[in-house]
Amino acid sequence: MKEVACFISPHGFGHATRVIAVLEALRRLQPACHAHLFTTVPEPLFAGTLTNYSYHRELVDIGVVQSSALTVDIPATCRRLDDFLPYSADRLVELASRCAGCAFILCDIAPMGIAAGRLAGIPSILVENFTWDWIYAPYSRQYPELQPHIQFFGSLFRQADYRIQTEPLCNVSPRDMACGPIFRRTRATGDHIPARLNVRGKKLILLTMGGISQDLPDLSGLEQQSDLFFVIPGRQDAVQIGKNILLLNRDSDLYHPDLIAAADLVVCKAGYSTVAECYQAGTRVVAIGRDDFPESQTLQRYVEKVMGGISISPEVYGNGGWLPLVREQLSQPRPSPAKENGADKVAAFLSGLL
């Protein structure tokens, strides 16, 4: 049996879903491959798709601390980075030992895996559409205490044995391979999701913040849209409100890529996994941009130029100004679905290494 290790950033769920998609594609090429997952991303996210894996709950990355789904907390990020870095030598030795026997270490985008790989003599593969040194750079003008961390991460990312960059790409760097968006494949077909949700002829609108808790919009405004059916996932409990609003519990067995594919339109935070899964399905998008997070501008441009969607500010989302834009987007033709999944190209590259 061939074994691989994966070091996965817990910043949001996009890095985890990207690894899931790659491992799912790799399994079709290498059915006996066993993956060791090192992350603090909750295991149920992986269990919903993967089978041949071991889960190791380890903090391997900090990323950026978020005070809400749409805002970041840079002072808190600095404090956590100061506590986390530099890596403990003893911990790196332990992680390197636990990766012994693995053919390679896949990092998305946790650079601790690169450090462990170098110590263990195991090749590391970096999969990214941005790296933390690039993300932190704009903040460092106001928070110069980030500079040592930028230099540390920049040096470490350059030490990866292989680098794969995926669209929507923030910053072109020397690389071994580039690919299109990476997404988890849909499972359900036809009207399965609308029938299960009892949509009954209404247009299905999905409101999602990529798995992060969100403040609810003005529900009275949604209730007035009688020809639209709103689904808001990630809640504590499933609750039906009126005839056209469903709060979906975060433990629902409805597969998120299937929800996106079934939706007539998705209103979402501009995050990698949601944008990529909308791209897969050819689903209309209204993306909520974030001026305080550098990746957001890249994702917004991709939504607008490639997917024919629109982006709005958090303020427009908060005051309900997005509802007329939803109707405007619904009047547009549905975009063409993706022709290929970047995960397949990455899996072929990894299979070659195996």
Protein backbone atom coordinates (compact mmCIF):
# COMPACT_ATOMS: atom_id res chain seq x y z
CA MET A 1 0.00 0.00 0.00
CA LYS A 2 1.32 3.43 -0.93
CA GLU A 3 1.04 6.15 1.68
CA VAL A 4 1.07 9.93 1.42
CA ALA A 5 0.83 12.72 3.98
CA CYS A 6 -1.24 15.91 3.66
CA PHE A 7 -0.69 19.05 5.74
CA ILE A 8 -3.84 21.16 5.44
CA SER A 9 -4.40 24.75 6.54
CA PRO A 10 -7.48 25.23 8.76
CA HIS A 11 -8.05 28.74 7.37
CA GLY A 12 -11.64 28.33 6.20
CA PHE A 13 -12.55 25.07 4.47
CA GLY A 14 -11.23 25.84 0.98
CA HIS A 15 -7.82 24.25 1.52
CA ALA A 16 -9.42 21.10 2.92
CA THR A 17 -11.96 20.73 0.11
CA ARG A 18 -9.18 21.23 -2.43
CA VAL A 19 -7.18 18.38 -0.87
CA ILE A 20 -10.32 16.23 -0.74
CA ALA A 21 -10.86 16.78 -4.47
CA VAL A 22 -7.24 15.89 -5.29
CA LEU A 23 -7.29 12.75 -3.12
CA GLU A 24 -10.61 11.70 -4.63
CA ALA A 25 -9.08 11.99 -8.11
CA LEU A 26 -5.88 10.25 -7.00
CA ARG A 27 -7.88 7.32 -5.62
CA ARG A 28 -9.22 6.62 -9.11
CA LEU A 29 -5.64 6.31 -10.37
CA GLN A 30 -4.13 4.69 -7.26
CA PRO A 31 -6.95 2.82 -5.44
CA ALA A 32 -4.64 1.46 -2.72
CA CYS A 33 -3.16 4.87 -1.80
CA HIS A 34 -3.66 5.73 1.89
CA ALA A 35 -3.60 9.40 2.99
CA HIS A 36 -2.54 10.70 6.39
CA LEU A 37 -4.28 14.04 7.07
CA PHE A 38 -2.60 16.48 9.45
CA THR A 39 -4.96 19.37 10.25
CA THR A 40 -7.45 20.81 12.73
CA VAL A 41 -10.21 20.99 10.10
CA PRO A 42 -13.05 18.88 11.60
CA GLU A 43 -12.85 15.26 10.46
CA PRO A 44 -16.52 15.01 9.31
CA LEU A 45 -15.64 17.22 6.34
CA PHE A 46 -13.26 14.52 5.10
CA ALA A 47 -15.39 11.55 6.14
CA GLY A 48 -18.17 12.74 3.84
CA THR A 49 -16.02 11.98 0.79
CA LEU A 50 -12.83 10.08 1.57
CA THR A 51 -12.47 6.47 2.67
CA ASN A 52 -8.83 5.33 2.73
CA TYR A 53 -7.29 7.84 5.13
CA SER A 54 -6.10 8.43 8.70
CA TYR A 55 -6.92 11.66 10.53
CA HIS A 56 -4.30 13.28 12.77
CA ARG A 57 -5.62 16.30 14.66
CA GLU A 58 -2.62 18.63 14.58
CA LEU A 59 -2.36 22.41 14.38
CA VAL A 60 -0.12 22.82 11.34
CA ASP A 61 -0.99 26.37 10.23
CA ILE A 62 -2.48 29.62 11.51
CA GLY A 63 -3.46 31.54 8.37
CA VAL A 64 -5.49 34.61 9.24
CA VAL A 65 -7.74 34.88 12.29
CA GLN A 66 -11.28 35.86 11.32
CA SER A 67 -13.58 37.76 13.69
CA SER A 68 -16.51 36.89 11.42
CA ALA A 69 -17.10 35.29 8.04
CA LEU A 70 -16.36 38.62 6.33
CA THR A 71 -13.77 40.31 8.57
CA VAL A 72 -10.24 39.49 9.67
CA ASP A 73 -8.43 40.26 12.94
CA ILE A 74 -4.79 41.05 12.16
CA PRO A 75 -3.68 41.86 15.76
CA ALA A 76 -5.02 38.44 16.84
CA THR A 77 -3.27 36.88 13.83
CA CYS A 78 0.03 38.44 14.90
CA ARG A 79 -0.35 37.10 18.44
CA ARG A 80 -1.09 33.58 17.23
CA LEU A 81 1.82 33.62 14.80
CA ASP A 82 4.15 34.80 17.57
CA ASP A 83 3.06 31.82 19.69
CA PHE A 84 3.28 29.35 16.80
CA LEU A 85 6.60 30.37 15.25
CA PRO A 86 9.33 29.37 14.94
CA TYR A 87 8.33 25.72 14.73
CA SER A 88 9.33 23.59 17.70
CA ALA A 89 12.30 21.40 16.73
CA ASP A 90 10.95 18.52 18.82
CA ARG A 91 7.56 18.77 17.15
CA LEU A 92 9.09 18.76 13.67
CA VAL A 93 11.08 15.63 14.57
CA GLU A 94 7.90 13.95 15.79
CA LEU A 95 5.92 14.90 12.67
CA ALA A 96 8.75 13.80 10.39
CA SER A 97 8.77 10.45 12.17
CA ARG A 98 5.02 10.04 11.73
CA CYS A 99 5.39 10.73 8.00
CA ALA A 100 8.09 8.07 7.62
CA GLY A 101 7.20 5.71 4.79
CA CYS A 102 5.10 8.28 2.93
CA ALA A 103 5.96 8.80 -0.73
CA PHE A 104 5.44 12.56 -0.48
CA ILE A 105 3.91 15.32 1.65
CA LEU A 106 1.16 17.39 0.03
CA CYS A 107 0.85 20.90 1.53
CA ASP A 108 -2.22 23.10 1.04
CA ILE A 109 -0.95 25.57 2.10
CA ALA A 110 0.53 24.62 5.49
CA PRO A 111 4.31 25.09 5.16
CA MET A 112 4.99 23.01 8.27
CA GLY A 113 4.68 20.02 5.94
CA ILE A 114 7.56 21.35 3.86
CA ALA A 115 9.74 21.67 6.99
CA ALA A 116 8.80 18.15 8.15
CA GLY A 117 9.46 16.77 4.69
CA ARG A 118 12.95 18.26 4.53
CA LEU A 119 13.76 16.79 7.94
CA ALA A 120 12.46 13.35 6.92
CA GLY A 121 13.95 13.38 3.43
CA ILE A 122 10.46 13.15 1.89
CA PRO A 123 9.53 15.25 -1.19
CA SER A 124 7.00 18.02 -0.55
CA ILE A 125 4.40 19.28 -3.02
CA LEU A 126 2.90 22.74 -2.48
CA VAL A 127 -0.59 23.29 -3.92
CA GLU A 128 -1.67 26.93 -3.80
CA ASN A 129 -3.48 29.83 -5.32
CA PHE A 130 -1.74 32.11 -2.79
CA THR A 131 0.84 31.77 -0.01
CA TRP A 132 0.86 33.37 3.42
CA ASP A 133 3.84 35.65 2.75
CA TRP A 134 1.83 37.16 -0.14
CA ILE A 135 -1.31 37.50 2.03
CA TYR A 136 0.52 39.13 4.95
CA ALA A 137 2.50 41.63 2.86
CA PRO A 138 -0.22 44.35 2.54
CA TYR A 139 -0.98 44.14 6.28
CA SER A 140 2.69 44.59 7.20
CA ARG A 141 2.54 48.29 6.34
CA GLN A 142 0.34 48.82 9.38
CA TYR A 143 1.65 45.83 11.36
CA PRO A 144 5.44 45.65 10.82
CA GLU A 145 5.62 42.80 13.36
CA LEU A 146 4.49 40.58 10.48
CA GLN A 147 7.77 41.08 8.61
CA PRO A 148 9.72 38.24 10.31
CA HIS A 149 6.83 35.86 9.61
CA ILE A 150 6.68 36.96 5.96
CA GLN A 151 10.40 36.24 5.56
CA PHE A 152 10.11 32.88 7.36
CA PHE A 153 7.18 31.68 5.26
CA GLY A 154 8.57 33.06 2.00
CA SER A 155 11.81 31.13 2.48
CA LEU A 156 9.98 27.95 3.49
CA PHE A 157 7.52 28.00 0.59
CA ARG A 158 10.46 28.31 -1.83
CA GLN A 159 11.91 25.10 -0.39
CA ALA A 160 9.02 22.92 -1.61
CA ASP A 161 10.28 20.24 -4.00
CA TYR A 162 7.33 20.79 -6.34
CA ARG A 163 4.93 23.70 -6.70
CA ILE A 164 1.47 23.49 -8.24
CA GLN A 165 -0.55 26.67 -8.80
CA THR A 166 -4.28 26.58 -9.33
CA GLU A 167 -6.75 29.11 -10.70
CA PRO A 168 -8.09 31.54 -9.61
CA LEU A 169 -4.44 32.42 -9.04
CA CYS A 170 -3.33 35.40 -6.97
CA ASN A 171 0.39 35.58 -7.70
CA VAL A 172 2.32 33.79 -10.45
CA SER A 173 5.52 32.16 -9.14
CA PRO A 174 8.04 29.67 -10.53
CA ARG A 175 6.14 26.39 -10.64
CA ASP A 176 6.18 22.83 -11.88
CA MET A 177 2.55 22.79 -12.98
CA ALA A 178 -0.53 25.02 -13.30
CA CYS A 179 -4.16 23.92 -13.44
CA GLY A 180 -7.71 25.23 -13.50
CA PRO A 181 -10.00 25.44 -10.46
CA ILE A 182 -10.03 22.38 -8.18
CA PHE A 183 -13.42 21.27 -6.87
CA ARG A 184 -15.20 18.34 -5.25
CA ARG A 185 -17.37 16.51 -7.76
CA THR A 186 -21.15 16.56 -7.49
CA ARG A 187 -23.04 13.37 -6.66
CA ALA A 188 -26.77 14.03 -6.99
CA THR A 189 -28.39 14.50 -10.37
CA GLY A 190 -31.60 15.97 -11.69
CA ASP A 191 -34.18 17.34 -9.27
CA HIS A 192 -33.07 15.32 -6.23
CA ILE A 193 -32.10 18.31 -4.08
CA PRO A 194 -35.08 20.58 -4.95
CA ALA A 195 -37.45 17.68 -4.34
CA ARG A 196 -35.90 16.87 -0.97
CA LEU A 197 -36.03 20.52 0.08
CA ASN A 198 -39.62 20.81 -1.12
CA VAL A 199 -38.83 23.84 -3.26
CA ARG A 200 -42.01 23.39 -5.37
CA GLY A 201 -41.36 25.41 -8.47
CA LYS A 202 -39.57 28.34 -6.83
CA LYS A 203 -36.10 29.51 -7.79
CA LEU A 204 -33.57 28.07 -5.33
CA ILE A 205 -31.19 30.67 -3.83
CA LEU A 206 -28.31 29.39 -1.69
CA LEU A 207 -26.73 31.81 0.83
CA THR A 208 -23.39 30.46 2.08
CA MET A 209 -20.30 31.74 3.84
CA GLY A 210 -18.22 28.63 3.15
CA GLY A 211 -18.96 26.83 6.41
CA ILE A 212 -18.25 29.81 8.69
CA SER A 213 -21.06 31.03 10.96
CA GLN A 214 -22.84 34.03 9.52
CA ASP A 215 -25.27 36.66 10.74
CA LEU A 216 -28.63 36.14 9.12
CA PRO A 217 -29.81 38.73 6.61
CA ASP A 218 -33.12 40.54 7.08
CA LEU A 219 -35.44 37.54 6.87
CA SER A 220 -38.55 39.69 6.52
CA GLY A 221 -37.16 40.95 3.21
CA LEU A 222 -36.61 37.36 2.05
CA GLU A 223 -40.11 36.27 3.05
CA GLN A 224 -41.55 38.87 0.69
CA GLN A 225 -39.85 37.15 -2.30
CA SER A 226 -42.57 34.53 -2.62
CA ASP A 227 -41.26 33.11 -5.90
CA LEU A 228 -37.80 32.47 -4.43
CA PHE A 229 -36.75 29.74 -1.97
CA PHE A 230 -33.76 30.61 0.24
CA VAL A 231 -31.50 27.97 1.79
CA ILE A 232 -28.97 29.11 4.40
CA PRO A 233 -26.61 26.29 5.51
CA GLY A 234 -24.23 26.12 8.45
CA ARG A 235 -26.75 26.74 11.22
CA GLN A 236 -26.95 25.01 14.60
CA ASP A 237 -30.36 23.50 13.85
CA ALA A 238 -32.56 23.03 10.80
CA VAL A 239 -35.48 25.50 10.89
CA GLN A 240 -38.17 26.29 8.33
CA ILE A 241 -39.19 29.96 8.39
CA GLY A 242 -42.39 30.83 6.58
CA LYS A 243 -42.87 29.18 3.22
CA ASN A 244 -39.62 30.07 1.52
CA ILE A 245 -36.68 30.10 3.98
CA LEU A 246 -34.82 27.03 5.23
CA LEU A 247 -32.01 27.28 7.76
CA LEU A 248 -29.97 24.13 7.18
CA ASN A 249 -28.03 22.56 10.06
CA ARG A 250 -24.27 22.23 9.63
CA ASP A 251 -24.49 18.46 10.16
CA SER A 252 -26.93 17.99 7.29
CA ASP A 253 -26.14 15.06 5.00
CA LEU A 254 -26.85 17.21 1.95
CA TYR A 255 -23.55 17.40 0.06
CA HIS A 256 -22.54 21.04 -0.39
CA PRO A 257 -21.42 20.73 -4.04
CA ASP A 258 -24.84 19.21 -4.80
CA LEU A 259 -26.58 22.14 -3.12
CA ILE A 260 -24.54 24.53 -5.26
CA ALA A 261 -25.33 22.59 -8.43
CA ALA A 262 -29.04 22.53 -7.63
CA ALA A 263 -29.21 26.26 -6.89
CA ASP A 264 -30.42 28.70 -9.49
CA LEU A 265 -28.10 31.24 -7.89
CA VAL A 266 -25.55 31.31 -5.05
CA VAL A 267 -24.94 34.34 -2.85
CA CYS A 268 -21.61 33.69 -1.16
CA LYS A 269 -18.50 35.02 0.46
CA ALA A 270 -15.82 35.23 -2.23
CA GLY A 271 -14.02 32.08 -1.07
CA TYR A 272 -12.10 29.53 -3.10
CA SER A 273 -14.15 26.37 -2.60
CA THR A 274 -17.55 27.97 -3.18
CA VAL A 275 -16.38 29.85 -6.28
CA ALA A 276 -14.74 26.68 -7.67
CA GLU A 277 -17.84 24.57 -7.03
CA CYS A 278 -20.08 27.19 -8.67
CA TYR A 279 -17.67 27.11 -11.62
CA GLN A 280 -18.04 23.33 -11.78
CA ALA A 281 -21.83 23.44 -11.93
CA GLY A 282 -22.26 26.56 -14.04
CA THR A 283 -24.24 28.22 -11.24
CA ARG A 284 -24.94 31.97 -11.23
CA VAL A 285 -23.02 33.82 -8.51
CA VAL A 286 -23.32 36.98 -6.45
CA ALA A 287 -20.03 37.12 -4.53
CA ILE A 288 -19.52 39.18 -1.39
CA GLY A 289 -16.08 40.77 -1.58
CA ARG A 290 -13.79 41.60 1.34
CA ASP A 291 -11.55 44.64 1.06
CA ASP A 292 -9.54 43.44 4.07
CA PHE A 293 -8.45 40.11 2.54
CA PRO A 294 -6.12 40.18 -0.50
CA GLU A 295 -7.37 36.94 -2.12
CA SER A 296 -10.88 38.34 -2.39
CA GLN A 297 -10.08 40.69 -5.27
CA THR A 298 -8.71 37.80 -7.37
CA LEU A 299 -11.80 35.69 -6.73
CA GLN A 300 -14.13 38.59 -7.48
CA ARG A 301 -12.44 39.24 -10.81
CA TYR A 302 -12.74 35.55 -11.68
CA VAL A 303 -16.45 35.53 -10.82
CA GLU A 304 -17.05 38.59 -12.97
CA LYS A 305 -14.83 37.90 -15.99
CA VAL A 306 -14.93 34.11 -16.26
CA MET A 307 -18.24 33.13 -14.64
CA GLY A 308 -20.39 36.10 -15.64
CA GLY A 309 -21.33 36.84 -12.03
CA ILE A 310 -21.23 40.02 -9.97
CA SER A 311 -19.62 41.02 -6.70
CA ILE A 312 -20.99 43.19 -3.91
CA SER A 313 -19.66 44.70 -0.70
CA PRO A 314 -20.50 43.38 2.79
CA GLU A 315 -22.47 46.60 3.30
CA VAL A 316 -24.73 45.87 0.33
CA TYR A 317 -25.26 42.36 1.65
CA GLY A 318 -26.05 43.69 5.11
CA ASN A 319 -28.60 46.29 3.99
CA GLY A 320 -30.46 43.97 1.60
CA GLY A 321 -29.36 45.79 -1.54
CA TRP A 322 -28.36 42.44 -3.05
CA LEU A 323 -31.95 41.24 -3.60
CA PRO A 324 -32.57 43.29 -6.78
CA LEU A 325 -29.20 42.05 -8.07
CA VAL A 326 -30.32 38.46 -7.52
CA ARG A 327 -33.29 39.04 -9.78
CA GLU A 328 -31.05 40.71 -12.35
CA GLN A 329 -28.73 37.69 -12.34
CA LEU A 330 -31.62 35.22 -12.54
CA SER A 331 -32.66 36.87 -15.79
CA GLN A 332 -29.26 35.99 -17.29
CA PRO A 333 -28.48 32.63 -18.94
CA ARG A 334 -26.89 30.06 -16.68
CA PRO A 335 -23.11 29.88 -17.29
CA SER A 336 -21.62 26.83 -18.97
CA PRO A 337 -20.38 24.19 -16.51
CA ALA A 338 -16.66 23.45 -16.19
CA LYS A 339 -15.15 21.20 -18.84
CA GLU A 340 -12.39 19.87 -16.61
CA ASN A 341 -11.42 19.63 -12.96
CA GLY A 342 -7.96 20.82 -11.97
CA ALA A 343 -7.92 17.98 -9.42
CA ASP A 344 -7.55 15.44 -12.23
CA LYS A 345 -4.42 17.15 -13.56
CA VAL A 346 -2.91 17.36 -10.08
CA ALA A 347 -3.76 13.71 -9.38
CA ALA A 348 -2.05 12.62 -12.61
CA PHE A 349 1.07 14.55 -11.54
CA LEU A 350 1.03 12.95 -8.08
CA SER A 351 0.38 9.49 -9.52
CA GLY A 352 3.49 9.93 -11.64
CA LEU A 353 5.50 10.63 -8.48
CA LEU A 354 4.09 7.50 -6.85
